[in-house]
């Protein structure tokens, strides 16, 4: 199967003279650090009261939890080109994308904790974050986000705006019918949508090469007459460049694009996943994209100790504020269990 065989040193796009200016590179790093700081805090709170043993139904945050550590370059590189007027649909592993797209951390965290002050009044949980303020949604259903992104893009097109929709899914979902139907319709109607595939090598426990007939899902774009591009090495600056091309194409009215990004799932598919199916598990931490990018920015003179400390402290302050807000927010009144439903 395809694995991350590159050493932990920076990829070519990060070590070579960057085409990006220092403020842009710093902003990408800041987004990645904020996303990781958030996931580490959720990891801590999720496991704090799951024992003895591991009871998935116990604790402040009951139920499954899918964390995005390692996939931060996707969110930072893509969402850097979006505004909150643009739409994003994400997967069951959505936190990094929600954060990079500007979702309010307090409301998001309260929803994850099942509190009344959450985005969905605590009724959706971490896989169902719906935020009209940022036009963000996600779902636990595989490839579910692609068709709604078409609807949003169609509305943007009909209103003659330059707004775009970004639909994100995993590489396993690229074998779903909704993926192909969505690419076909988007191409047929020349919709302003960017399709993004996060290839983290594993569809839960199934290696991509065991399930997918082509080495790159970006090659599938040709079947629908749209551009397709694959980004290797989990390289945030390469993601940024690819997303710039795709978003500009969509905004200009030229139609959809497909980007597949070879990223990395640092942790399990869900919390509690022993990952016995991963032969490369011991090597995974050495491919962490955040230390790698920090090293590249230090070598380029973009970051120093003080800057890194400020960035990490600012991220921690925001995240811990959101955690405290969620914990102090009220649980939904059981008497309201039939509210906000159709019947």
C-alpha atoms as a PDB file:
ATOM      1  CA  UNK A   1       0.000   0.000   0.000  1.00  0.00           C
ATOM      2  CA  UNK A   2       1.027   3.659  -0.304  1.00  0.00           C
ATOM      3  CA  UNK A   3       2.726   4.896   2.854  1.00  0.00           C
ATOM      4  CA  UNK A   4       4.620   7.972   3.940  1.00  0.00           C
ATOM      5  CA  UNK A   5       8.116   6.917   2.949  1.00  0.00           C
ATOM      6  CA  UNK A   6       9.630  10.392   2.930  1.00  0.00           C
ATOM      7  CA  UNK A   7      12.000  11.270   5.796  1.00  0.00           C
ATOM      8  CA  UNK A   8      10.920  13.740   8.454  1.00  0.00           C
ATOM      9  CA  UNK A   9      12.851  16.560   6.823  1.00  0.00           C
ATOM     10  CA  UNK A  10      10.902  19.191   4.933  1.00  0.00           C
ATOM     11  CA  UNK A  11       9.565  18.429   1.428  1.00  0.00           C
ATOM     12  CA  UNK A  12      11.029  20.270  -1.504  1.00  0.00           C
ATOM     13  CA  UNK A  13       8.281  22.883  -1.556  1.00  0.00           C
ATOM     14  CA  UNK A  14       9.033  23.791   2.050  1.00  0.00           C
ATOM     15  CA  UNK A  15      12.844  23.772   1.908  1.00  0.00           C
ATOM     16  CA  UNK A  16      13.229  25.548  -1.404  1.00  0.00           C
ATOM     17  CA  UNK A  17      12.825  29.317  -1.597  1.00  0.00           C
ATOM     18  CA  UNK A  18       9.108  29.706  -0.987  1.00  0.00           C
ATOM     19  CA  UNK A  19       6.917  31.719  -3.329  1.00  0.00           C
ATOM     20  CA  UNK A  20       4.866  32.765  -0.300  1.00  0.00           C
ATOM     21  CA  UNK A  21       5.617  35.815   1.819  1.00  0.00           C
ATOM     22  CA  UNK A  22       6.392  35.558   5.525  1.00  0.00           C
ATOM     23  CA  UNK A  23       2.952  36.707   6.778  1.00  0.00           C
ATOM     24  CA  UNK A  24       1.196  34.060   4.670  1.00  0.00           C
ATOM     25  CA  UNK A  25       3.532  31.308   5.836  1.00  0.00           C
ATOM     26  CA  UNK A  26       3.107  32.416   9.450  1.00  0.00           C
ATOM     27  CA  UNK A  27      -0.677  32.413   9.064  1.00  0.00           C
ATOM     28  CA  UNK A  28      -0.611  28.860   7.716  1.00  0.00           C
ATOM     29  CA  UNK A  29       1.480  27.758  10.689  1.00  0.00           C
ATOM     30  CA  UNK A  30      -0.833  29.557  13.114  1.00  0.00           C
ATOM     31  CA  UNK A  31      -3.863  27.749  11.688  1.00  0.00           C
ATOM     32  CA  UNK A  32      -2.153  24.382  11.900  1.00  0.00           C
ATOM     33  CA  UNK A  33      -1.109  24.996  15.506  1.00  0.00           C
ATOM     34  CA  UNK A  34      -4.610  26.124  16.488  1.00  0.00           C
ATOM     35  CA  UNK A  35      -6.147  23.011  14.930  1.00  0.00           C
ATOM     36  CA  UNK A  36      -3.677  20.696  16.695  1.00  0.00           C
ATOM     37  CA  UNK A  37      -4.008  22.478  20.034  1.00  0.00           C
ATOM     38  CA  UNK A  38      -7.754  22.047  19.813  1.00  0.00           C
ATOM     39  CA  UNK A  39      -7.571  18.347  18.996  1.00  0.00           C
ATOM     40  CA  UNK A  40      -5.128  17.724  21.838  1.00  0.00           C
ATOM     41  CA  UNK A  41      -7.527  19.422  24.249  1.00  0.00           C
ATOM     42  CA  UNK A  42     -10.506  17.417  22.984  1.00  0.00           C
ATOM     43  CA  UNK A  43      -8.409  14.253  23.272  1.00  0.00           C
ATOM     44  CA  UNK A  44      -7.629  15.114  26.894  1.00  0.00           C
ATOM     45  CA  UNK A  45     -11.232  15.875  27.825  1.00  0.00           C
ATOM     46  CA  UNK A  46     -12.617  12.899  25.938  1.00  0.00           C
ATOM     47  CA  UNK A  47     -10.464  10.369  27.785  1.00  0.00           C
ATOM     48  CA  UNK A  48     -10.586  12.066  31.184  1.00  0.00           C
ATOM     49  CA  UNK A  49     -13.550  10.058  32.456  1.00  0.00           C
ATOM     50  CA  UNK A  50     -13.976   7.069  30.152  1.00  0.00           C
ATOM     51  CA  UNK A  51     -12.651   4.542  32.706  1.00  0.00           C
ATOM     52  CA  UNK A  52     -12.290   2.142  34.279  1.00  0.00           C
ATOM     53  CA  UNK A  53     -11.313   0.461  31.062  1.00  0.00           C
ATOM     54  CA  UNK A  54     -12.742   2.340  28.101  1.00  0.00           C
ATOM     55  CA  UNK A  55     -16.480   2.962  28.036  1.00  0.00           C
ATOM     56  CA  UNK A  56     -17.358   4.914  24.887  1.00  0.00           C
ATOM     57  CA  UNK A  57     -20.697   5.945  26.350  1.00  0.00           C
ATOM     58  CA  UNK A  58     -19.290   7.542  29.506  1.00  0.00           C
ATOM     59  CA  UNK A  59     -17.953  10.945  30.318  1.00  0.00           C
ATOM     60  CA  UNK A  60     -18.355  14.590  29.434  1.00  0.00           C
ATOM     61  CA  UNK A  61     -18.118  13.742  25.732  1.00  0.00           C
ATOM     62  CA  UNK A  62     -19.921  10.435  25.156  1.00  0.00           C
ATOM     63  CA  UNK A  63     -19.937   8.603  21.836  1.00  0.00           C
ATOM     64  CA  UNK A  64     -17.371   8.238  19.084  1.00  0.00           C
ATOM     65  CA  UNK A  65     -14.644  10.801  18.469  1.00  0.00           C
ATOM     66  CA  UNK A  66     -12.695  11.208  15.208  1.00  0.00           C
ATOM     67  CA  UNK A  67      -9.761  13.597  15.540  1.00  0.00           C
ATOM     68  CA  UNK A  68      -7.846  15.229  12.713  1.00  0.00           C
ATOM     69  CA  UNK A  69      -4.276  15.409  14.048  1.00  0.00           C
ATOM     70  CA  UNK A  70      -1.887  15.179  11.100  1.00  0.00           C
ATOM     71  CA  UNK A  71      -4.368  16.503   8.545  1.00  0.00           C
ATOM     72  CA  UNK A  72      -3.951  20.173   9.430  1.00  0.00           C
ATOM     73  CA  UNK A  73      -2.170  21.076   6.136  1.00  0.00           C
ATOM     74  CA  UNK A  74      -5.372  20.307   4.238  1.00  0.00           C
ATOM     75  CA  UNK A  75      -7.491  22.681   6.310  1.00  0.00           C
ATOM     76  CA  UNK A  76      -4.912  25.451   6.497  1.00  0.00           C
ATOM     77  CA  UNK A  77      -3.965  25.361   2.831  1.00  0.00           C
ATOM     78  CA  UNK A  78      -7.484  25.155   1.433  1.00  0.00           C
ATOM     79  CA  UNK A  79      -9.384  27.443   3.801  1.00  0.00           C
ATOM     80  CA  UNK A  80      -6.787  30.208   3.480  1.00  0.00           C
ATOM     81  CA  UNK A  81      -8.469  31.052   0.157  1.00  0.00           C
ATOM     82  CA  UNK A  82     -12.021  31.128   1.491  1.00  0.00           C
ATOM     83  CA  UNK A  83     -14.194  33.629   3.311  1.00  0.00           C
ATOM     84  CA  UNK A  84     -17.087  32.800   5.605  1.00  0.00           C
ATOM     85  CA  UNK A  85     -19.394  33.598   2.660  1.00  0.00           C
ATOM     86  CA  UNK A  86     -18.047  30.476   0.962  1.00  0.00           C
ATOM     87  CA  UNK A  87     -19.423  27.071   1.904  1.00  0.00           C
ATOM     88  CA  UNK A  88     -17.556  24.045   3.245  1.00  0.00           C
ATOM     89  CA  UNK A  89     -18.929  20.527   3.656  1.00  0.00           C
ATOM     90  CA  UNK A  90     -16.768  18.147   5.667  1.00  0.00           C
ATOM     91  CA  UNK A  91     -16.579  14.581   6.907  1.00  0.00           C
ATOM     92  CA  UNK A  92     -16.972  12.796  10.240  1.00  0.00           C
ATOM     93  CA  UNK A  93     -13.436  14.112  11.004  1.00  0.00           C
ATOM     94  CA  UNK A  94     -14.287  17.805  10.706  1.00  0.00           C
ATOM     95  CA  UNK A  95     -12.671  19.876  13.464  1.00  0.00           C
ATOM     96  CA  UNK A  96      -9.617  21.121  11.559  1.00  0.00           C
ATOM     97  CA  UNK A  97     -11.737  22.302   8.654  1.00  0.00           C
ATOM     98  CA  UNK A  98     -14.284  23.987  10.907  1.00  0.00           C
ATOM     99  CA  UNK A  99     -11.546  25.844  12.767  1.00  0.00           C
ATOM    100  CA  UNK A 100      -9.686  26.894   9.620  1.00  0.00           C
ATOM    101  CA  UNK A 101     -12.949  28.150   8.104  1.00  0.00           C
ATOM    102  CA  UNK A 102     -13.553  30.419  11.070  1.00  0.00           C
ATOM    103  CA  UNK A 103     -16.193  28.628  13.130  1.00  0.00           C
ATOM    104  CA  UNK A 104     -16.745  30.056  16.607  1.00  0.00           C
ATOM    105  CA  UNK A 105     -14.744  27.841  18.967  1.00  0.00           C
ATOM    106  CA  UNK A 106     -17.094  28.295  21.898  1.00  0.00           C
ATOM    107  CA  UNK A 107     -20.227  27.252  20.031  1.00  0.00           C
ATOM    108  CA  UNK A 108     -18.393  24.393  18.322  1.00  0.00           C
ATOM    109  CA  UNK A 109     -16.990  23.035  21.583  1.00  0.00           C
ATOM    110  CA  UNK A 110     -20.309  23.342  23.383  1.00  0.00           C
ATOM    111  CA  UNK A 111     -21.874  21.246  20.624  1.00  0.00           C
ATOM    112  CA  UNK A 112     -19.182  18.580  20.985  1.00  0.00           C
ATOM    113  CA  UNK A 113     -19.880  18.518  24.741  1.00  0.00           C
ATOM    114  CA  UNK A 114     -23.629  18.215  24.077  1.00  0.00           C
ATOM    115  CA  UNK A 115     -24.539  21.567  25.650  1.00  0.00           C
ATOM    116  CA  UNK A 116     -27.504  23.836  25.020  1.00  0.00           C
ATOM    117  CA  UNK A 117     -25.210  26.668  23.872  1.00  0.00           C
ATOM    118  CA  UNK A 118     -23.812  24.530  21.047  1.00  0.00           C
ATOM    119  CA  UNK A 119     -24.354  25.038  17.344  1.00  0.00           C
ATOM    120  CA  UNK A 120     -27.167  22.486  17.349  1.00  0.00           C
ATOM    121  CA  UNK A 121     -28.207  23.036  20.973  1.00  0.00           C
ATOM    122  CA  UNK A 122     -26.140  19.997  21.916  1.00  0.00           C
ATOM    123  CA  UNK A 123     -28.142  17.579  19.819  1.00  0.00           C
ATOM    124  CA  UNK A 124     -25.724  16.908  16.979  1.00  0.00           C
ATOM    125  CA  UNK A 125     -22.335  16.238  18.510  1.00  0.00           C
ATOM    126  CA  UNK A 126     -18.960  16.406  16.874  1.00  0.00           C
ATOM    127  CA  UNK A 127     -19.900  14.760  13.548  1.00  0.00           C
ATOM    128  CA  UNK A 128     -22.832  17.103  12.952  1.00  0.00           C
ATOM    129  CA  UNK A 129     -21.560  20.663  13.153  1.00  0.00           C
ATOM    130  CA  UNK A 130     -23.904  22.998  11.285  1.00  0.00           C
ATOM    131  CA  UNK A 131     -23.057  26.684  11.268  1.00  0.00           C
ATOM    132  CA  UNK A 132     -25.015  29.142   9.096  1.00  0.00           C
ATOM    133  CA  UNK A 133     -22.599  31.923  10.072  1.00  0.00           C
ATOM    134  CA  UNK A 134     -19.742  30.233   8.208  1.00  0.00           C
ATOM    135  CA  UNK A 135     -21.797  28.071   5.816  1.00  0.00           C
ATOM    136  CA  UNK A 136     -20.197  24.962   7.303  1.00  0.00           C
ATOM    137  CA  UNK A 137     -21.678  21.497   7.653  1.00  0.00           C
ATOM    138  CA  UNK A 138     -20.447  17.950   8.141  1.00  0.00           C
ATOM    139  CA  UNK A 139     -21.843  14.447   8.454  1.00  0.00           C
ATOM    140  CA  UNK A 140     -21.039  10.955   9.658  1.00  0.00           C
ATOM    141  CA  UNK A 141     -22.327   9.547   6.350  1.00  0.00           C
ATOM    142  CA  UNK A 142     -19.544   8.727   3.889  1.00  0.00           C
ATOM    143  CA  UNK A 143     -19.472  11.113   0.870  1.00  0.00           C
ATOM    144  CA  UNK A 144     -22.641  12.815   2.162  1.00  0.00           C
ATOM    145  CA  UNK A 145     -21.163  16.294   1.838  1.00  0.00           C
ATOM    146  CA  UNK A 146     -20.659  16.229  -1.925  1.00  0.00           C
ATOM    147  CA  UNK A 147     -24.295  16.605  -3.102  1.00  0.00           C
ATOM    148  CA  UNK A 148     -25.125  19.434  -0.624  1.00  0.00           C
ATOM    149  CA  UNK A 149     -22.034  21.291  -1.820  1.00  0.00           C
ATOM    150  CA  UNK A 150     -23.456  21.121  -5.341  1.00  0.00           C
ATOM    151  CA  UNK A 151     -26.675  22.685  -4.089  1.00  0.00           C
ATOM    152  CA  UNK A 152     -24.785  25.515  -2.454  1.00  0.00           C
ATOM    153  CA  UNK A 153     -22.651  26.048  -5.549  1.00  0.00           C
ATOM    154  CA  UNK A 154     -25.776  26.036  -7.728  1.00  0.00           C
ATOM    155  CA  UNK A 155     -27.338  28.725  -5.531  1.00  0.00           C
ATOM    156  CA  UNK A 156     -24.167  30.821  -5.704  1.00  0.00           C
ATOM    157  CA  UNK A 157     -24.148  30.488  -9.478  1.00  0.00           C
ATOM    158  CA  UNK A 158     -27.825  31.368  -9.870  1.00  0.00           C
ATOM    159  CA  UNK A 159     -27.324  34.481  -7.721  1.00  0.00           C
ATOM    160  CA  UNK A 160     -24.420  35.492  -9.972  1.00  0.00           C
ATOM    161  CA  UNK A 161     -21.952  35.744  -7.099  1.00  0.00           C
ATOM    162  CA  UNK A 162     -18.297  34.726  -6.968  1.00  0.00           C
ATOM    163  CA  UNK A 163     -18.840  32.531  -3.904  1.00  0.00           C
ATOM    164  CA  UNK A 164     -17.615  28.943  -3.998  1.00  0.00           C
ATOM    165  CA  UNK A 165     -18.358  25.663  -2.265  1.00  0.00           C
ATOM    166  CA  UNK A 166     -15.649  23.282  -1.081  1.00  0.00           C
ATOM    167  CA  UNK A 167     -16.582  19.645  -0.553  1.00  0.00           C
ATOM    168  CA  UNK A 168     -14.142  17.548   1.468  1.00  0.00           C
ATOM    169  CA  UNK A 169     -14.144  13.791   1.836  1.00  0.00           C
ATOM    170  CA  UNK A 170     -11.732  10.939   2.456  1.00  0.00           C
ATOM    171  CA  UNK A 171     -10.127   8.705  -0.135  1.00  0.00           C
ATOM    172  CA  UNK A 172     -12.420   5.812   0.796  1.00  0.00           C
ATOM    173  CA  UNK A 173     -15.458   7.908  -0.110  1.00  0.00           C
ATOM    174  CA  UNK A 174     -14.127   8.395  -3.642  1.00  0.00           C
ATOM    175  CA  UNK A 175     -15.498   4.929  -4.409  1.00  0.00           C
ATOM    176  CA  UNK A 176     -19.037   5.948  -3.459  1.00  0.00           C
ATOM    177  CA  UNK A 177     -21.653   6.674  -6.063  1.00  0.00           C
ATOM    178  CA  UNK A 178     -22.287  10.145  -4.637  1.00  0.00           C
ATOM    179  CA  UNK A 179     -18.694  11.102  -5.428  1.00  0.00           C
ATOM    180  CA  UNK A 180     -19.013  10.271  -9.137  1.00  0.00           C
ATOM    181  CA  UNK A 181     -22.541  11.642  -9.469  1.00  0.00           C
ATOM    182  CA  UNK A 182     -21.435  14.908  -7.909  1.00  0.00           C
ATOM    183  CA  UNK A 183     -18.388  15.305 -10.157  1.00  0.00           C
ATOM    184  CA  UNK A 184     -20.523  14.596 -13.203  1.00  0.00           C
ATOM    185  CA  UNK A 185     -23.259  17.106 -12.346  1.00  0.00           C
ATOM    186  CA  UNK A 186     -20.797  19.778 -11.248  1.00  0.00           C
ATOM    187  CA  UNK A 187     -18.948  19.438 -14.550  1.00  0.00           C
ATOM    188  CA  UNK A 188     -22.160  19.384 -16.576  1.00  0.00           C
ATOM    189  CA  UNK A 189     -23.412  22.607 -14.981  1.00  0.00           C
ATOM    190  CA  UNK A 190     -19.947  24.169 -14.549  1.00  0.00           C
ATOM    191  CA  UNK A 191     -20.600  24.765 -10.858  1.00  0.00           C
ATOM    192  CA  UNK A 192     -18.234  26.796  -8.645  1.00  0.00           C
ATOM    193  CA  UNK A 193     -17.181  23.896  -6.453  1.00  0.00           C
ATOM    194  CA  UNK A 194     -13.821  22.513  -5.384  1.00  0.00           C
ATOM    195  CA  UNK A 195     -13.747  18.813  -4.529  1.00  0.00           C
ATOM    196  CA  UNK A 196     -11.059  17.876  -1.996  1.00  0.00           C
ATOM    197  CA  UNK A 197     -10.063  14.308  -1.151  1.00  0.00           C
ATOM    198  CA  UNK A 198      -8.080  13.771   2.054  1.00  0.00           C
ATOM    199  CA  UNK A 199      -6.034  10.632   1.382  1.00  0.00           C
ATOM    200  CA  UNK A 200      -4.761   9.489   4.784  1.00  0.00           C
ATOM    201  CA  UNK A 201      -4.067   5.964   3.455  1.00  0.00           C
ATOM    202  CA  UNK A 202      -6.749   4.263   5.556  1.00  0.00           C
ATOM    203  CA  UNK A 203     -10.512   3.915   5.078  1.00  0.00           C
ATOM    204  CA  UNK A 204     -10.973   3.048   8.756  1.00  0.00           C
ATOM    205  CA  UNK A 205      -8.795  -0.110   8.662  1.00  0.00           C
ATOM    206  CA  UNK A 206      -8.750  -0.773   4.890  1.00  0.00           C
ATOM    207  CA  UNK A 207      -5.600   0.396   3.056  1.00  0.00           C
ATOM    208  CA  UNK A 208      -6.407   2.496   0.022  1.00  0.00           C
ATOM    209  CA  UNK A 209      -4.588   0.175  -2.391  1.00  0.00           C
ATOM    210  CA  UNK A 210      -6.828  -2.713  -1.323  1.00  0.00           C
ATOM    211  CA  UNK A 211      -9.996  -0.806  -2.164  1.00  0.00           C
ATOM    212  CA  UNK A 212      -9.222   1.665  -4.959  1.00  0.00           C
ATOM    213  CA  UNK A 213      -8.353   0.704  -8.525  1.00  0.00           C
ATOM    214  CA  UNK A 214      -6.311   3.818  -9.354  1.00  0.00           C
ATOM    215  CA  UNK A 215      -3.231   5.140  -7.556  1.00  0.00           C
ATOM    216  CA  UNK A 216      -4.576   8.694  -7.521  1.00  0.00           C
ATOM    217  CA  UNK A 217      -8.191   9.781  -7.251  1.00  0.00           C
ATOM    218  CA  UNK A 218      -7.154  12.990  -8.998  1.00  0.00           C
ATOM    219  CA  UNK A 219      -6.931  10.906 -12.186  1.00  0.00           C
ATOM    220  CA  UNK A 220     -10.687  10.399 -11.989  1.00  0.00           C
ATOM    221  CA  UNK A 221     -11.243  14.075 -12.776  1.00  0.00           C
ATOM    222  CA  UNK A 222     -10.397  13.423 -16.426  1.00  0.00           C
ATOM    223  CA  UNK A 223     -13.488  11.244 -16.782  1.00  0.00           C
ATOM    224  CA  UNK A 224     -15.597  14.331 -16.162  1.00  0.00           C
ATOM    225  CA  UNK A 225     -13.499  16.805 -18.123  1.00  0.00           C
ATOM    226  CA  UNK A 226     -12.302  18.815 -15.136  1.00  0.00           C
ATOM    227  CA  UNK A 227      -8.816  19.505 -13.750  1.00  0.00           C
ATOM    228  CA  UNK A 228      -7.446  17.025 -11.234  1.00  0.00           C
ATOM    229  CA  UNK A 229      -4.346  17.476  -9.108  1.00  0.00           C
ATOM    230  CA  UNK A 230      -2.675  15.371  -6.417  1.00  0.00           C
ATOM    231  CA  UNK A 231      -0.579  16.968  -3.684  1.00  0.00           C
ATOM    232  CA  UNK A 232       2.062  14.753  -2.083  1.00  0.00           C
ATOM    233  CA  UNK A 233       3.943  14.873   1.225  1.00  0.00           C
ATOM    234  CA  UNK A 234       1.236  16.590   3.306  1.00  0.00           C
ATOM    235  CA  UNK A 235       2.909  19.844   2.259  1.00  0.00           C
ATOM    236  CA  UNK A 236       0.842  22.837   3.382  1.00  0.00           C
ATOM    237  CA  UNK A 237       2.393  25.225   0.881  1.00  0.00           C
ATOM    238  CA  UNK A 238       1.725  22.843  -2.001  1.00  0.00           C
ATOM    239  CA  UNK A 239      -1.863  22.494  -0.769  1.00  0.00           C
ATOM    240  CA  UNK A 240      -2.119  26.288  -0.636  1.00  0.00           C
ATOM    241  CA  UNK A 241      -0.909  26.565  -4.243  1.00  0.00           C
ATOM    242  CA  UNK A 242      -3.235  23.861  -5.569  1.00  0.00           C
ATOM    243  CA  UNK A 243      -6.210  25.334  -3.727  1.00  0.00           C
ATOM    244  CA  UNK A 244      -5.412  28.791  -5.086  1.00  0.00           C
ATOM    245  CA  UNK A 245      -5.718  27.484  -8.638  1.00  0.00           C
ATOM    246  CA  UNK A 246      -8.917  25.577  -7.960  1.00  0.00           C
ATOM    247  CA  UNK A 247     -10.658  28.345  -6.022  1.00  0.00           C
ATOM    248  CA  UNK A 248      -9.742  30.965  -8.618  1.00  0.00           C
ATOM    249  CA  UNK A 249     -11.118  28.711 -11.363  1.00  0.00           C
ATOM    250  CA  UNK A 250     -14.381  28.308  -9.454  1.00  0.00           C
ATOM    251  CA  UNK A 251     -14.712  32.032  -8.642  1.00  0.00           C
ATOM    252  CA  UNK A 252     -14.089  33.012 -12.255  1.00  0.00           C
ATOM    253  CA  UNK A 253     -16.939  30.828 -13.506  1.00  0.00           C
ATOM    254  CA  UNK A 254     -14.685  28.259 -15.186  1.00  0.00           C
ATOM    255  CA  UNK A 255     -16.131  25.374 -13.176  1.00  0.00           C
ATOM    256  CA  UNK A 256     -15.108  22.676 -10.712  1.00  0.00           C
ATOM    257  CA  UNK A 257     -11.763  21.079  -9.882  1.00  0.00           C
ATOM    258  CA  UNK A 258     -10.643  18.022  -7.930  1.00  0.00           C
ATOM    259  CA  UNK A 259      -7.678  18.002  -5.549  1.00  0.00           C
ATOM    260  CA  UNK A 260      -6.439  14.903  -3.746  1.00  0.00           C
ATOM    261  CA  UNK A 261      -4.034  15.545  -0.864  1.00  0.00           C
ATOM    262  CA  UNK A 262      -1.848  12.774   0.530  1.00  0.00           C
ATOM    263  CA  UNK A 263      -2.120  13.566   4.217  1.00  0.00           C
ATOM    264  CA  UNK A 264      -1.587  11.686   7.466  1.00  0.00           C
ATOM    265  CA  UNK A 265      -3.816  10.345  10.212  1.00  0.00           C
ATOM    266  CA  UNK A 266      -1.586  10.598  13.273  1.00  0.00           C
ATOM    267  CA  UNK A 267      -4.066   8.930  15.636  1.00  0.00           C
ATOM    268  CA  UNK A 268      -6.702   6.221  15.316  1.00  0.00           C
ATOM    269  CA  UNK A 269      -9.756   6.257  13.098  1.00  0.00           C
ATOM    270  CA  UNK A 270     -11.653   6.911  16.302  1.00  0.00           C
ATOM    271  CA  UNK A 271     -10.566   7.250  19.906  1.00  0.00           C
ATOM    272  CA  UNK A 272     -10.208   3.732  21.288  1.00  0.00           C
ATOM    273  CA  UNK A 273      -8.939   2.361  17.970  1.00  0.00           C
ATOM    274  CA  UNK A 274      -5.918   0.137  18.764  1.00  0.00           C
ATOM    275  CA  UNK A 275      -4.733   0.414  15.120  1.00  0.00           C
ATOM    276  CA  UNK A 276      -3.381  -3.122  14.976  1.00  0.00           C
ATOM    277  CA  UNK A 277      -3.921  -3.025  11.212  1.00  0.00           C
ATOM    278  CA  UNK A 278      -1.216  -0.340  10.666  1.00  0.00           C
ATOM    279  CA  UNK A 279       2.220  -1.880   9.994  1.00  0.00           C
ATOM    280  CA  UNK A 280       3.788   1.599   9.804  1.00  0.00           C
ATOM    281  CA  UNK A 281       2.392   2.767  13.147  1.00  0.00           C
ATOM    282  CA  UNK A 282       5.776   3.186  14.872  1.00  0.00           C
ATOM    283  CA  UNK A 283       6.960   5.521  12.083  1.00  0.00           C
ATOM    284  CA  UNK A 284       3.887   7.736  12.031  1.00  0.00           C
ATOM    285  CA  UNK A 285       4.990  10.372  14.606  1.00  0.00           C
ATOM    286  CA  UNK A 286       8.125  11.145  12.591  1.00  0.00           C
ATOM    287  CA  UNK A 287       5.914  12.440   9.762  1.00  0.00           C
ATOM    288  CA  UNK A 288       4.035  14.968  11.894  1.00  0.00           C
ATOM    289  CA  UNK A 289       3.585  17.981   9.572  1.00  0.00           C
ATOM    290  CA  UNK A 290       3.684  20.691  12.262  1.00  0.00           C
ATOM    291  CA  UNK A 291       7.265  20.200  13.559  1.00  0.00           C
ATOM    292  CA  UNK A 292       8.361  19.777   9.962  1.00  0.00           C
ATOM    293  CA  UNK A 293       6.823  23.069   8.867  1.00  0.00           C
ATOM    294  CA  UNK A 294       8.082  24.847  11.973  1.00  0.00           C
ATOM    295  CA  UNK A 295      11.596  23.674  11.151  1.00  0.00           C
ATOM    296  CA  UNK A 296      11.292  24.977   7.587  1.00  0.00           C
ATOM    297  CA  UNK A 297      10.047  28.374   8.771  1.00  0.00           C
ATOM    298  CA  UNK A 298      12.796  28.657  11.364  1.00  0.00           C
ATOM    299  CA  UNK A 299      15.425  27.870   8.737  1.00  0.00           C
ATOM    300  CA  UNK A 300      13.905  30.536   6.473  1.00  0.00           C
ATOM    301  CA  UNK A 301      14.026  33.110   9.248  1.00  0.00           C
ATOM    302  CA  UNK A 302      10.234  33.413   9.365  1.00  0.00           C
ATOM    303  CA  UNK A 303       9.917  32.073  12.925  1.00  0.00           C
ATOM    304  CA  UNK A 304      12.058  32.177  16.046  1.00  0.00           C
ATOM    305  CA  UNK A 305      11.580  30.948  19.617  1.00  0.00           C
ATOM    306  CA  UNK A 306       9.577  33.989  20.680  1.00  0.00           C
ATOM    307  CA  UNK A 307       7.232  33.801  17.685  1.00  0.00           C
ATOM    308  CA  UNK A 308       6.570  30.102  18.173  1.00  0.00           C
ATOM    309  CA  UNK A 309       5.904  30.607  21.858  1.00  0.00           C
ATOM    310  CA  UNK A 310       3.465  33.459  21.144  1.00  0.00           C
ATOM    311  CA  UNK A 311       1.608  31.403  18.533  1.00  0.00           C
ATOM    312  CA  UNK A 312       1.281  28.371  20.782  1.00  0.00           C
ATOM    313  CA  UNK A 313       0.234  30.457  23.792  1.00  0.00           C
ATOM    314  CA  UNK A 314      -2.423  32.299  21.787  1.00  0.00           C
ATOM    315  CA  UNK A 315      -3.806  29.006  20.479  1.00  0.00           C
ATOM    316  CA  UNK A 316      -3.886  27.483  23.957  1.00  0.00           C
ATOM    317  CA  UNK A 317      -5.687  30.522  25.371  1.00  0.00           C
ATOM    318  CA  UNK A 318      -8.420  30.348  22.735  1.00  0.00           C
ATOM    319  CA  UNK A 319      -8.857  26.609  23.069  1.00  0.00           C
ATOM    320  CA  UNK A 320      -8.963  26.523  26.863  1.00  0.00           C
ATOM    321  CA  UNK A 321     -11.493  29.361  26.834  1.00  0.00           C
ATOM    322  CA  UNK A 322     -13.729  27.295  24.555  1.00  0.00           C
ATOM    323  CA  UNK A 323     -13.341  24.190  26.732  1.00  0.00           C
ATOM    324  CA  UNK A 324     -14.224  26.150  29.873  1.00  0.00           C
ATOM    325  CA  UNK A 325     -17.238  27.704  28.149  1.00  0.00           C
ATOM    326  CA  UNK A 326     -18.521  24.297  27.077  1.00  0.00           C
ATOM    327  CA  UNK A 327     -18.092  22.776  30.512  1.00  0.00           C
ATOM    328  CA  UNK A 328     -19.939  25.654  32.173  1.00  0.00           C
ATOM    329  CA  UNK A 329     -22.830  25.625  29.695  1.00  0.00           C
ATOM    330  CA  UNK A 330     -26.112  23.907  30.608  1.00  0.00           C
ATOM    331  CA  UNK A 331     -27.122  20.502  29.342  1.00  0.00           C
ATOM    332  CA  UNK A 332     -30.343  20.418  27.297  1.00  0.00           C
ATOM    333  CA  UNK A 333     -33.509  20.069  29.355  1.00  0.00           C
ATOM    334  CA  UNK A 334     -34.809  16.483  28.911  1.00  0.00           C
ATOM    335  CA  UNK A 335     -38.285  17.968  28.539  1.00  0.00           C
ATOM    336  CA  UNK A 336     -37.106  19.549  25.237  1.00  0.00           C
ATOM    337  CA  UNK A 337     -36.205  16.193  23.666  1.00  0.00           C
ATOM    338  CA  UNK A 338     -38.989  16.529  21.092  1.00  0.00           C
ATOM    339  CA  UNK A 339     -38.080  20.110  20.167  1.00  0.00           C
ATOM    340  CA  UNK A 340     -36.351  21.002  16.893  1.00  0.00           C
ATOM    341  CA  UNK A 341     -37.574  17.860  15.115  1.00  0.00           C
ATOM    342  CA  UNK A 342     -40.066  17.438  12.292  1.00  0.00           C
ATOM    343  CA  UNK A 343     -42.400  15.139  14.207  1.00  0.00           C
END
